[in-house]
Protein backbone atom coordinates (compact mmCIF):
# COMPACT_ATOMS: atom_id res chain seq x y z
CA MET A 1 -12.58 35.87 -12.21
CA ARG A 2 -12.69 39.62 -12.93
CA ILE A 3 -8.95 39.78 -13.61
CA LYS A 4 -9.14 36.77 -15.91
CA GLU A 5 -12.06 38.36 -17.78
CA PHE A 6 -9.99 41.54 -18.11
CA LEU A 7 -7.22 39.44 -19.69
CA PHE A 8 -9.12 37.03 -21.95
CA THR A 9 -11.18 39.91 -23.32
CA ALA A 10 -7.95 41.86 -23.98
CA PHE A 11 -8.65 44.64 -21.49
CA TYR A 12 -12.41 44.38 -22.27
CA ALA A 13 -11.90 44.99 -26.01
CA GLY A 14 -13.76 41.72 -26.56
CA HIS A 15 -16.90 43.39 -25.21
CA SER A 16 -16.92 45.77 -28.17
CA PRO A 17 -20.44 45.74 -29.65
CA VAL A 18 -18.96 45.88 -33.15
CA ALA A 19 -16.17 43.61 -34.43
CA PRO A 20 -14.72 42.37 -31.11
CA GLY A 21 -12.04 40.38 -32.99
CA THR A 22 -10.88 43.54 -34.72
CA ALA A 23 -10.85 45.35 -31.37
CA GLY A 24 -8.72 42.55 -29.90
CA THR A 25 -6.33 42.74 -32.85
CA LEU A 26 -6.00 46.50 -32.28
CA VAL A 27 -4.99 45.76 -28.69
CA GLY A 28 -2.37 43.30 -29.97
CA MET A 29 -1.10 45.96 -32.37
CA ALA A 30 -0.99 48.59 -29.60
CA LEU A 31 0.99 46.21 -27.36
CA TYR A 32 3.37 45.57 -30.27
CA PHE A 33 3.91 49.34 -30.59
CA ILE A 34 4.47 49.70 -26.84
CA VAL A 35 7.06 46.90 -26.89
CA PHE A 36 8.88 48.73 -29.66
CA LEU A 37 8.79 52.03 -27.74
CA LEU A 38 10.20 50.32 -24.65
CA SER A 39 12.76 48.02 -26.27
CA GLY A 40 13.67 49.65 -29.59
CA GLU A 41 15.74 47.61 -32.03
CA ILE A 42 15.38 44.39 -30.06
CA SER A 43 11.59 44.55 -30.08
CA TRP A 44 11.47 41.57 -32.48
CA VAL A 45 13.31 39.50 -29.84
CA VAL A 46 10.85 40.60 -27.15
CA ASN A 47 8.01 39.69 -29.54
CA LEU A 48 9.50 36.23 -30.09
CA ILE A 49 9.90 35.67 -26.35
CA ALA A 50 6.31 36.84 -25.74
CA VAL A 51 4.90 34.45 -28.35
CA VAL A 52 6.82 31.47 -26.97
CA ALA A 53 6.32 32.28 -23.29
CA LEU A 54 2.67 33.36 -23.44
CA PHE A 55 1.09 30.81 -25.78
CA TYR A 56 0.29 28.32 -23.01
CA PRO A 57 -0.95 30.91 -20.46
CA PHE A 58 -3.10 32.51 -23.20
CA MET A 59 -4.51 29.08 -24.07
CA LYS A 60 -5.42 28.48 -20.42
CA LEU A 61 -7.04 31.93 -20.22
CA ALA A 62 -9.02 31.14 -23.38
CA ASP A 63 -10.20 27.94 -21.63
CA ASP A 64 -11.38 30.09 -18.73
CA GLY A 65 -13.14 32.44 -21.13
CA GLU A 66 -15.00 29.58 -22.76
CA ARG A 67 -16.18 28.35 -19.36
CA TYR A 68 -17.06 31.90 -18.27
CA PHE A 69 -19.29 32.60 -21.28
CA GLY A 70 -20.55 29.01 -21.54
CA VAL A 71 -20.17 28.70 -25.33
CA LYS A 72 -17.55 27.32 -27.71
CA ASP A 73 -15.09 30.04 -28.81
CA PRO A 74 -17.04 33.05 -27.52
CA GLU A 75 -16.55 36.21 -29.56
CA GLN A 76 -15.66 38.16 -26.40
CA VAL A 77 -12.52 36.06 -25.89
CA VAL A 78 -10.02 37.91 -28.06
CA ILE A 79 -6.72 37.04 -26.43
CA ASP A 80 -6.20 34.75 -29.43
CA GLU A 81 -6.25 37.78 -31.75
CA ILE A 82 -3.37 39.27 -29.78
CA MET A 83 -1.28 36.14 -30.22
CA GLY A 84 -2.22 35.83 -33.89
CA TYR A 85 -1.21 39.42 -34.57
CA TRP A 86 2.10 38.96 -32.76
CA ILE A 87 2.82 35.90 -34.91
CA SER A 88 1.97 38.01 -37.98
CA VAL A 89 4.86 40.38 -37.23
CA LEU A 90 7.22 37.76 -35.79
CA PHE A 91 10.87 38.17 -36.84
CA TYR A 92 10.31 41.54 -38.55
CA PRO A 93 12.15 44.57 -37.24
CA PHE A 94 9.58 47.16 -36.21
CA ASN A 95 8.14 49.00 -39.18
CA ILE A 96 4.86 50.93 -39.22
CA LYS A 97 4.08 49.81 -42.78
CA ILE A 98 4.57 46.14 -41.85
CA ALA A 99 2.54 46.62 -38.65
CA VAL A 100 -0.43 48.14 -40.48
CA ALA A 101 -0.28 45.67 -43.37
CA ALA A 102 -0.14 42.82 -40.83
CA PHE A 103 -3.28 44.14 -39.17
CA PHE A 104 -5.33 44.04 -42.38
CA VAL A 105 -3.93 40.79 -43.74
CA PHE A 106 -4.33 39.08 -40.36
CA ARG A 107 -7.96 40.20 -40.05
CA PHE A 108 -8.60 38.86 -43.57
CA PHE A 109 -7.18 35.42 -42.74
CA ASP A 110 -8.75 35.34 -39.28
CA ILE A 111 -12.19 35.97 -40.75
CA LEU A 112 -11.74 33.72 -43.80
CA LYS A 113 -10.09 30.87 -41.84
CA PRO A 114 -8.49 29.03 -44.77
CA TRP A 115 -7.48 25.40 -44.30
CA PRO A 116 -6.35 24.17 -41.83
CA ALA A 117 -7.34 27.11 -39.59
CA GLY A 118 -11.08 26.50 -39.84
CA LYS A 119 -10.67 22.79 -39.14
CA LEU A 120 -8.33 23.38 -36.20
CA GLN A 121 -10.78 25.83 -34.64
CA SER A 122 -13.02 22.85 -33.87
CA LEU A 123 -10.50 21.53 -31.33
CA ARG A 124 -11.76 21.68 -27.78
CA GLY A 125 -11.12 24.46 -25.31
CA GLY A 126 -8.39 27.04 -25.36
CA LEU A 127 -6.33 25.20 -27.95
CA GLY A 128 -9.18 25.42 -30.46
CA ILE A 129 -9.64 29.09 -29.68
CA MET A 130 -5.94 29.90 -30.08
CA ILE A 131 -4.78 27.68 -32.93
CA ASP A 132 -6.82 29.13 -35.80
CA ASP A 133 -5.51 32.61 -35.02
CA CYS A 134 -1.97 31.30 -34.81
CA VAL A 135 -2.37 29.72 -38.26
CA ALA A 136 -3.83 33.01 -39.57
CA GLY A 137 -0.77 34.73 -38.09
CA VAL A 138 1.58 32.33 -39.89
CA TYR A 139 -0.26 32.89 -43.17
CA THR A 140 -0.03 36.65 -42.63
CA ASN A 141 3.66 36.44 -41.84
CA LEU A 142 4.32 34.49 -45.05
CA ILE A 143 2.27 36.93 -47.16
CA LEU A 144 4.23 39.82 -45.67
CA LEU A 145 7.50 38.03 -46.40
CA ALA A 146 6.46 37.49 -50.03
CA ALA A 147 5.44 41.16 -50.31
CA VAL A 148 8.75 42.35 -48.84
CA LEU A 149 10.71 40.12 -51.22
CA VAL A 150 8.74 41.30 -54.26
CA LEU A 151 9.18 44.92 -53.23
CA LYS A 152 12.93 44.35 -52.81
CA LEU A 153 13.02 42.75 -56.26
CA PHE A 154 11.62 45.99 -57.66
CA HIS A 155 14.00 48.05 -55.48
CA VAL A 156 11.22 49.46 -53.32
CA ASP A 157 12.60 50.08 -49.85
CA ILE A 158 10.02 49.75 -47.10
CA TYR A 159 12.44 50.12 -44.20
């Protein structure tokens, strides 16, 4: 179980005494940066593959985390923040400004949990743990898209 704990707590970031969800999101952001450093221009493709390929294994790990801690959606289980962050930057070519903006906007939506994220969080097990962060990631992605489009409209180049 030690290796699973290492994973569902995002390399023990979930044990942070302050803001474990933020710590987990920072791990997701760091992994996003590492993927870019290793894969360059195709990092958005690697990100897409990771989101699709890892959603189910992350959900199962979140199930394990819930059983391990014995409570619904334990704060130490932050693997969902990694997935949510990756969804936040999905389809964007790597850009430090987008990456940082995604961090803050994602944290906002993850904490606020606007509909239907808050409702979906009540689902049982790993799905309930993962789905609200995925919705927060989609909301973040759409906000970033709107911001990029508005900036382009005013001829502000962010890339």
